[in-house]
PDB file of N, CA and C in Angstrom:
ATOM      1  N   UNK A   1       3.793  22.997 -10.620  1.00  0.00           N
ATOM      2  CA  UNK A   1       2.784  23.647 -10.324  1.00  0.00           C
ATOM      3  C   UNK A   1       2.631  24.335 -10.843  1.00  0.00           C
ATOM      4  N   UNK A   2       1.280  25.158 -11.220  1.00  0.00           N
ATOM      5  CA  UNK A   2       1.168  26.222 -12.158  1.00  0.00           C
ATOM      6  C   UNK A   2       0.591  27.403 -10.749  1.00  0.00           C
ATOM      7  N   UNK A   3       0.985  28.719 -11.083  1.00  0.00           N
ATOM      8  CA  UNK A   3       0.725  30.040 -10.647  1.00  0.00           C
ATOM      9  C   UNK A   3       0.040  30.889 -10.919  1.00  0.00           C
ATOM     10  N   UNK A   4      -0.673  31.536 -10.377  1.00  0.00           N
ATOM     11  CA  UNK A   4      -1.751  32.304 -11.518  1.00  0.00           C
ATOM     12  C   UNK A   4      -2.060  33.697 -10.993  1.00  0.00           C
ATOM     13  N   UNK A   5      -2.011  34.784 -11.298  1.00  0.00           N
ATOM     14  CA  UNK A   5      -2.074  36.502 -10.724  1.00  0.00           C
ATOM     15  C   UNK A   5      -3.815  36.169 -10.977  1.00  0.00           C
ATOM     16  N   UNK A   6      -4.643  36.620  -9.753  1.00  0.00           N
ATOM     17  CA  UNK A   6      -6.013  36.659  -9.350  1.00  0.00           C
ATOM     18  C   UNK A   6      -7.214  37.083 -10.263  1.00  0.00           C
ATOM     19  N   UNK A   7      -6.832  38.130 -11.367  1.00  0.00           N
ATOM     20  CA  UNK A   7      -7.325  38.664 -12.634  1.00  0.00           C
ATOM     21  C   UNK A   7      -7.280  37.424 -13.228  1.00  0.00           C
ATOM     22  N   UNK A   8      -6.091  36.743 -13.950  1.00  0.00           N
ATOM     23  CA  UNK A   8      -5.736  35.703 -15.057  1.00  0.00           C
ATOM     24  C   UNK A   8      -6.864  34.587 -14.126  1.00  0.00           C
ATOM     25  N   UNK A   9      -6.146  34.697 -12.925  1.00  0.00           N
ATOM     26  CA  UNK A   9      -7.252  33.515 -12.583  1.00  0.00           C
ATOM     27  C   UNK A   9      -8.843  33.152 -12.485  1.00  0.00           C
ATOM     28  N   UNK A  10      -9.321  34.256 -12.732  1.00  0.00           N
ATOM     29  CA  UNK A  10     -10.736  34.917 -12.947  1.00  0.00           C
ATOM     30  C   UNK A  10     -10.682  34.379 -13.998  1.00  0.00           C
ATOM     31  N   UNK A  11     -10.462  35.234 -15.370  1.00  0.00           N
ATOM     32  CA  UNK A  11     -10.370  35.335 -16.376  1.00  0.00           C
ATOM     33  C   UNK A  11     -10.673  33.824 -17.018  1.00  0.00           C
ATOM     34  N   UNK A  12      -9.797  32.751 -16.214  1.00  0.00           N
ATOM     35  CA  UNK A  12      -9.437  31.393 -17.365  1.00  0.00           C
ATOM     36  C   UNK A  12      -9.617  30.703 -16.175  1.00  0.00           C
ATOM     37  N   UNK A  13     -10.648  30.887 -15.243  1.00  0.00           N
ATOM     38  CA  UNK A  13     -11.061  29.746 -14.389  1.00  0.00           C
ATOM     39  C   UNK A  13     -10.948  28.581 -14.593  1.00  0.00           C
ATOM     40  N   UNK A  14     -11.913  28.369 -16.280  1.00  0.00           N
ATOM     41  CA  UNK A  14     -11.882  26.628 -16.255  1.00  0.00           C
ATOM     42  C   UNK A  14     -11.257  26.107 -16.634  1.00  0.00           C
ATOM     43  N   UNK A  15      -9.767  26.545 -16.886  1.00  0.00           N
ATOM     44  CA  UNK A  15      -8.370  26.346 -17.505  1.00  0.00           C
ATOM     45  C   UNK A  15      -7.789  26.045 -16.352  1.00  0.00           C
ATOM     46  N   UNK A  16      -8.427  27.020 -14.793  1.00  0.00           N
ATOM     47  CA  UNK A  16      -7.442  26.489 -13.853  1.00  0.00           C
ATOM     48  C   UNK A  16      -8.777  25.353 -13.223  1.00  0.00           C
ATOM     49  N   UNK A  17      -9.436  25.160 -13.079  1.00  0.00           N
ATOM     50  CA  UNK A  17     -10.105  23.744 -13.078  1.00  0.00           C
ATOM     51  C   UNK A  17      -9.640  22.778 -13.485  1.00  0.00           C
ATOM     52  N   UNK A  18      -9.420  22.714 -15.381  1.00  0.00           N
ATOM     53  CA  UNK A  18      -8.915  21.488 -15.938  1.00  0.00           C
ATOM     54  C   UNK A  18      -7.428  21.170 -14.857  1.00  0.00           C
ATOM     55  N   UNK A  19      -6.648  21.910 -14.266  1.00  0.00           N
ATOM     56  CA  UNK A  19      -5.683  22.121 -14.929  1.00  0.00           C
ATOM     57  C   UNK A  19      -5.281  21.033 -13.526  1.00  0.00           C
ATOM     58  N   UNK A  20      -6.171  21.690 -12.300  1.00  0.00           N
ATOM     59  CA  UNK A  20      -6.169  21.353 -11.044  1.00  0.00           C
ATOM     60  C   UNK A  20      -5.948  19.880 -10.644  1.00  0.00           C
ATOM     61  N   UNK A  21      -6.912  19.457 -11.918  1.00  0.00           N
ATOM     62  CA  UNK A  21      -7.183  17.707 -11.633  1.00  0.00           C
ATOM     63  C   UNK A  21      -5.356  17.133 -11.618  1.00  0.00           C
ATOM     64  N   UNK A  22      -4.651  17.559 -12.401  1.00  0.00           N
ATOM     65  CA  UNK A  22      -3.559  17.261 -12.479  1.00  0.00           C
ATOM     66  C   UNK A  22      -2.528  17.309 -11.090  1.00  0.00           C
ATOM     67  N   UNK A  23      -2.160  18.820 -10.933  1.00  0.00           N
ATOM     68  CA  UNK A  23      -2.009  19.510  -9.865  1.00  0.00           C
ATOM     69  C   UNK A  23      -2.307  20.175  -9.100  1.00  0.00           C
ATOM     70  N   UNK A  24      -2.134  20.545  -8.296  1.00  0.00           N
ATOM     71  CA  UNK A  24      -2.745  22.371  -7.509  1.00  0.00           C
ATOM     72  C   UNK A  24      -2.189  23.210  -8.184  1.00  0.00           C
ATOM     73  N   UNK A  25      -3.172  24.474  -8.063  1.00  0.00           N
ATOM     74  CA  UNK A  25      -3.084  25.630  -8.874  1.00  0.00           C
ATOM     75  C   UNK A  25      -2.949  26.479  -7.763  1.00  0.00           C
ATOM     76  N   UNK A  26      -1.405  27.743  -7.828  1.00  0.00           N
ATOM     77  CA  UNK A  26      -1.419  28.832  -6.598  1.00  0.00           C
ATOM     78  C   UNK A  26      -2.463  30.114  -7.040  1.00  0.00           C
ATOM     79  N   UNK A  27      -2.665  30.677  -6.575  1.00  0.00           N
ATOM     80  CA  UNK A  27      -3.510  31.547  -7.254  1.00  0.00           C
ATOM     81  C   UNK A  27      -2.852  32.580  -6.181  1.00  0.00           C
ATOM     82  N   UNK A  28      -1.927  34.016  -6.783  1.00  0.00           N
ATOM     83  CA  UNK A  28      -1.446  34.849  -5.915  1.00  0.00           C
ATOM     84  C   UNK A  28      -2.688  36.673  -6.031  1.00  0.00           C
ATOM     85  N   UNK A  29      -2.046  37.227  -5.110  1.00  0.00           N
ATOM     86  CA  UNK A  29      -2.857  37.799  -5.052  1.00  0.00           C
ATOM     87  C   UNK A  29      -1.679  39.421  -4.349  1.00  0.00           C
ATOM     88  N   UNK A  30      -1.514  40.283  -5.384  1.00  0.00           N
ATOM     89  CA  UNK A  30      -0.743  41.643  -4.964  1.00  0.00           C
ATOM     90  C   UNK A  30       0.849  40.638  -5.131  1.00  0.00           C
ATOM     91  N   UNK A  31       1.192  39.655  -5.672  1.00  0.00           N
ATOM     92  CA  UNK A  31       2.520  38.765  -5.979  1.00  0.00           C
ATOM     93  C   UNK A  31       2.906  37.709  -4.871  1.00  0.00           C
ATOM     94  N   UNK A  32       1.686  37.611  -3.670  1.00  0.00           N
ATOM     95  CA  UNK A  32       1.861  37.082  -3.146  1.00  0.00           C
ATOM     96  C   UNK A  32       1.046  35.767  -2.717  1.00  0.00           C
ATOM     97  N   UNK A  33       1.571  34.473  -2.521  1.00  0.00           N
ATOM     98  CA  UNK A  33       0.310  33.441  -2.971  1.00  0.00           C
ATOM     99  C   UNK A  33      -0.445  33.528  -1.662  1.00  0.00           C
ATOM    100  N   UNK A  34      -1.667  33.045  -2.052  1.00  0.00           N
ATOM    101  CA  UNK A  34      -3.114  33.777  -1.449  1.00  0.00           C
ATOM    102  C   UNK A  34      -3.879  32.614  -1.152  1.00  0.00           C
ATOM    103  N   UNK A  35      -4.472  31.565  -2.473  1.00  0.00           N
ATOM    104  CA  UNK A  35      -5.025  30.647  -2.649  1.00  0.00           C
ATOM    105  C   UNK A  35      -4.369  29.134  -3.343  1.00  0.00           C
ATOM    106  N   UNK A  36      -4.718  28.006  -2.964  1.00  0.00           N
ATOM    107  CA  UNK A  36      -4.784  26.918  -3.686  1.00  0.00           C
ATOM    108  C   UNK A  36      -6.422  26.662  -4.154  1.00  0.00           C
ATOM    109  N   UNK A  37      -5.711  25.887  -5.587  1.00  0.00           N
ATOM    110  CA  UNK A  37      -7.083  25.094  -6.159  1.00  0.00           C
ATOM    111  C   UNK A  37      -7.088  23.469  -6.070  1.00  0.00           C
ATOM    112  N   UNK A  38      -7.693  22.711  -5.808  1.00  0.00           N
ATOM    113  CA  UNK A  38      -6.924  21.356  -5.578  1.00  0.00           C
ATOM    114  C   UNK A  38      -8.880  20.666  -6.504  1.00  0.00           C
ATOM    115  N   UNK A  39      -8.393  19.507  -6.251  1.00  0.00           N
ATOM    116  CA  UNK A  39      -8.682  18.827  -7.128  1.00  0.00           C
ATOM    117  C   UNK A  39      -9.679  17.787  -5.822  1.00  0.00           C
ATOM    118  N   UNK A  40     -11.394  17.673  -6.043  1.00  0.00           N
ATOM    119  CA  UNK A  40     -11.968  16.822  -4.838  1.00  0.00           C
ATOM    120  C   UNK A  40     -11.537  16.430  -3.959  1.00  0.00           C
ATOM    121  N   UNK A  41     -11.063  14.892  -5.046  1.00  0.00           N
ATOM    122  CA  UNK A  41     -10.319  14.155  -3.832  1.00  0.00           C
ATOM    123  C   UNK A  41      -9.116  14.129  -3.372  1.00  0.00           C
ATOM    124  N   UNK A  42      -8.262  15.206  -4.056  1.00  0.00           N
ATOM    125  CA  UNK A  42      -6.849  15.373  -2.944  1.00  0.00           C
ATOM    126  C   UNK A  42      -7.774  16.191  -1.862  1.00  0.00           C
ATOM    127  N   UNK A  43      -8.310  17.051  -1.910  1.00  0.00           N
ATOM    128  CA  UNK A  43      -9.002  17.849  -0.450  1.00  0.00           C
ATOM    129  C   UNK A  43      -9.784  16.669   0.276  1.00  0.00           C
ATOM    130  N   UNK A  44     -10.643  15.772  -0.467  1.00  0.00           N
ATOM    131  CA  UNK A  44     -10.939  14.934   0.968  1.00  0.00           C
ATOM    132  C   UNK A  44      -9.561  13.910   1.918  1.00  0.00           C
ATOM    133  N   UNK A  45      -9.013  13.521   0.433  1.00  0.00           N
ATOM    134  CA  UNK A  45      -7.658  13.238   1.022  1.00  0.00           C
ATOM    135  C   UNK A  45      -6.844  13.656   2.538  1.00  0.00           C
ATOM    136  N   UNK A  46      -6.924  14.891   1.957  1.00  0.00           N
ATOM    137  CA  UNK A  46      -6.183  15.703   3.498  1.00  0.00           C
ATOM    138  C   UNK A  46      -7.043  16.173   4.709  1.00  0.00           C
ATOM    139  N   UNK A  47      -8.224  16.263   4.156  1.00  0.00           N
ATOM    140  CA  UNK A  47      -9.346  16.780   5.243  1.00  0.00           C
ATOM    141  C   UNK A  47      -9.979  15.478   6.281  1.00  0.00           C
ATOM    142  N   UNK A  48      -9.428  14.021   5.377  1.00  0.00           N
ATOM    143  CA  UNK A  48      -9.599  12.840   6.021  1.00  0.00           C
ATOM    144  C   UNK A  48     -10.924  13.102   5.622  1.00  0.00           C
ATOM    145  N   UNK A  49     -11.399  12.325   5.149  1.00  0.00           N
ATOM    146  CA  UNK A  49     -13.339  12.512   4.469  1.00  0.00           C
ATOM    147  C   UNK A  49     -13.890  11.634   5.559  1.00  0.00           C
ATOM    148  N   UNK A  50     -15.020  12.342   5.948  1.00  0.00           N
ATOM    149  CA  UNK A  50     -15.981  10.865   6.489  1.00  0.00           C
ATOM    150  C   UNK A  50     -16.962  10.874   5.904  1.00  0.00           C
ATOM    151  N   UNK A  51     -17.501  10.062   5.674  1.00  0.00           N
ATOM    152  CA  UNK A  51     -18.783   9.314   5.332  1.00  0.00           C
ATOM    153  C   UNK A  51     -20.050   9.864   6.048  1.00  0.00           C
ATOM    154  N   UNK A  52     -20.669  10.150   5.218  1.00  0.00           N
ATOM    155  CA  UNK A  52     -22.445  10.006   6.004  1.00  0.00           C
ATOM    156  C   UNK A  52     -22.609   8.669   6.347  1.00  0.00           C
ATOM    157  N   UNK A  53     -24.045   8.448   7.442  1.00  0.00           N
ATOM    158  CA  UNK A  53     -24.269   7.275   7.792  1.00  0.00           C
ATOM    159  C   UNK A  53     -24.426   6.368   6.287  1.00  0.00           C
ATOM    160  N   UNK A  54     -25.720   7.496   5.240  1.00  0.00           N
ATOM    161  CA  UNK A  54     -26.370   6.426   4.389  1.00  0.00           C
ATOM    162  C   UNK A  54     -25.231   6.049   3.131  1.00  0.00           C
ATOM    163  N   UNK A  55     -24.192   7.270   2.962  1.00  0.00           N
ATOM    164  CA  UNK A  55     -22.679   6.160   1.933  1.00  0.00           C
ATOM    165  C   UNK A  55     -22.782   5.200   3.139  1.00  0.00           C
ATOM    166  N   UNK A  56     -21.906   5.736   4.297  1.00  0.00           N
ATOM    167  CA  UNK A  56     -21.155   4.256   4.794  1.00  0.00           C
ATOM    168  C   UNK A  56     -22.462   2.733   4.810  1.00  0.00           C
ATOM    169  N   UNK A  57     -23.606   3.225   4.651  1.00  0.00           N
ATOM    170  CA  UNK A  57     -24.616   1.598   4.808  1.00  0.00           C
ATOM    171  C   UNK A  57     -24.449   1.495   3.141  1.00  0.00           C
ATOM    172  N   UNK A  58     -24.220   1.770   2.402  1.00  0.00           N
ATOM    173  CA  UNK A  58     -24.286   1.805   0.586  1.00  0.00           C
ATOM    174  C   UNK A  58     -22.921   1.424   0.914  1.00  0.00           C
ATOM    175  N   UNK A  59     -21.748   1.499   1.541  1.00  0.00           N
ATOM    176  CA  UNK A  59     -20.740   0.534   1.065  1.00  0.00           C
ATOM    177  C   UNK A  59     -20.331  -1.033   2.042  1.00  0.00           C
ATOM    178  N   UNK A  60     -21.680  -1.048   2.766  1.00  0.00           N
ATOM    179  CA  UNK A  60     -20.767  -1.853   3.677  1.00  0.00           C
ATOM    180  C   UNK A  60     -21.467  -3.750   2.599  1.00  0.00           C
ATOM    181  N   UNK A  61     -20.282  -4.570   2.861  1.00  0.00           N
ATOM    182  CA  UNK A  61     -20.720  -5.794   2.218  1.00  0.00           C
ATOM    183  C   UNK A  61     -21.818  -5.963   2.627  1.00  0.00           C
ATOM    184  N   UNK A  62     -22.670  -5.776   3.287  1.00  0.00           N
ATOM    185  CA  UNK A  62     -24.048  -6.167   3.219  1.00  0.00           C
ATOM    186  C   UNK A  62     -25.151  -5.734   2.556  1.00  0.00           C
ATOM    187  N   UNK A  63     -24.667  -4.712   2.122  1.00  0.00           N
ATOM    188  CA  UNK A  63     -25.536  -3.953   0.871  1.00  0.00           C
ATOM    189  C   UNK A  63     -26.608  -5.070   0.228  1.00  0.00           C
ATOM    190  N   UNK A  64     -27.579  -4.889   0.271  1.00  0.00           N
ATOM    191  CA  UNK A  64     -28.301  -5.742  -0.654  1.00  0.00           C
ATOM    192  C   UNK A  64     -28.552  -6.877  -0.412  1.00  0.00           C
ATOM    193  N   UNK A  65     -28.068  -7.304   1.194  1.00  0.00           N
ATOM    194  CA  UNK A  65     -28.522  -8.470   1.634  1.00  0.00           C
ATOM    195  C   UNK A  65     -29.862  -8.485   1.914  1.00  0.00           C
ATOM    196  N   UNK A  66     -30.507  -9.691   1.733  1.00  0.00           N
ATOM    197  CA  UNK A  66     -31.906 -10.090   2.181  1.00  0.00           C
ATOM    198  C   UNK A  66     -31.565  -9.952   3.737  1.00  0.00           C
ATOM    199  N   UNK A  67     -32.040  -9.919   4.699  1.00  0.00           N
ATOM    200  CA  UNK A  67     -32.014 -10.466   5.903  1.00  0.00           C
ATOM    201  C   UNK A  67     -33.828 -10.425   6.620  1.00  0.00           C
ATOM    202  N   UNK A  68     -33.738 -12.010   7.496  1.00  0.00           N
ATOM    203  CA  UNK A  68     -34.869 -12.026   8.097  1.00  0.00           C
ATOM    204  C   UNK A  68     -34.972 -11.372   9.405  1.00  0.00           C
ATOM    205  N   UNK A  69     -36.124 -10.327   9.448  1.00  0.00           N
ATOM    206  CA  UNK A  69     -35.954  -9.407  10.754  1.00  0.00           C
ATOM    207  C   UNK A  69     -37.120  -9.305  11.414  1.00  0.00           C
ATOM    208  N   UNK A  70     -37.742 -10.886  11.842  1.00  0.00           N
ATOM    209  CA  UNK A  70     -39.100 -11.194  12.284  1.00  0.00           C
ATOM    210  C   UNK A  70     -38.565 -11.993  13.282  1.00  0.00           C
ATOM    211  N   UNK A  71     -39.170 -11.324  14.448  1.00  0.00           N
ATOM    212  CA  UNK A  71     -38.945 -11.755  16.510  1.00  0.00           C
ATOM    213  C   UNK A  71     -39.775 -12.796  16.594  1.00  0.00           C
ATOM    214  N   UNK A  72     -39.073 -13.518  16.901  1.00  0.00           N
ATOM    215  CA  UNK A  72     -39.394 -14.472  18.339  1.00  0.00           C
ATOM    216  C   UNK A  72     -41.223 -13.847  18.985  1.00  0.00           C
ATOM    217  N   UNK A  73     -42.319 -13.793  19.097  1.00  0.00           N
ATOM    218  CA  UNK A  73     -43.450 -13.230  19.475  1.00  0.00           C
ATOM    219  C   UNK A  73     -43.952 -13.430  21.097  1.00  0.00           C
ATOM    220  N   UNK A  74     -42.956 -14.653  21.323  1.00  0.00           N
ATOM    221  CA  UNK A  74     -43.631 -15.674  22.184  1.00  0.00           C
ATOM    222  C   UNK A  74     -43.014 -14.694  23.777  1.00  0.00           C
ATOM    223  N   UNK A  75     -44.291 -14.257  24.672  1.00  0.00           N
ATOM    224  CA  UNK A  75     -44.201 -13.564  25.699  1.00  0.00           C
ATOM    225  C   UNK A  75     -43.211 -14.731  26.913  1.00  0.00           C
ATOM    226  N   UNK A  76     -43.000 -15.628  26.958  1.00  0.00           N
ATOM    227  CA  UNK A  76     -42.235 -16.610  28.061  1.00  0.00           C
ATOM    228  C   UNK A  76     -41.277 -17.064  27.157  1.00  0.00           C
ATOM    229  N   UNK A  77     -40.235 -17.778  27.791  1.00  0.00           N
ATOM    230  CA  UNK A  77     -38.798 -18.103  27.828  1.00  0.00           C
ATOM    231  C   UNK A  77     -37.999 -18.231  29.153  1.00  0.00           C
ATOM    232  N   UNK A  78     -37.508 -19.880  28.845  1.00  0.00           N
ATOM    233  CA  UNK A  78     -36.595 -20.265  30.213  1.00  0.00           C
ATOM    234  C   UNK A  78     -35.874 -19.217  30.432  1.00  0.00           C
ATOM    235  N   UNK A  79     -35.466 -18.584  31.717  1.00  0.00           N
ATOM    236  CA  UNK A  79     -34.049 -17.996  32.049  1.00  0.00           C
ATOM    237  C   UNK A  79     -34.039 -19.036  33.373  1.00  0.00           C
ATOM    238  N   UNK A  80     -32.230 -19.098  32.870  1.00  0.00           N
ATOM    239  CA  UNK A  80     -31.664 -19.693  34.785  1.00  0.00           C
ATOM    240  C   UNK A  80     -30.971 -18.535  35.842  1.00  0.00           C
ATOM    241  N   UNK A  81     -31.699 -19.123  36.683  1.00  0.00           N
ATOM    242  CA  UNK A  81     -31.424 -17.673  37.778  1.00  0.00           C
ATOM    243  C   UNK A  81     -30.897 -18.479  39.193  1.00  0.00           C
TER     244      UNK A  81
END
């Protein structure tokens, strides 16, 4: 894991971001570790990323399936009491 001083990380931000895809990058402030730069997939894994409802339905095995949503419009039906 690479450690960067804050001023160096600011000057080479694109390099820090490229390297965080392989491993976390530590940033120090006054010699003490202050922050970690992670890639997005690792971040989602750590926080337990929860997809929104739209993403959930898009990833459903039923996505794109044509369903017959017509209702039976008769008003009466046999009910056993």
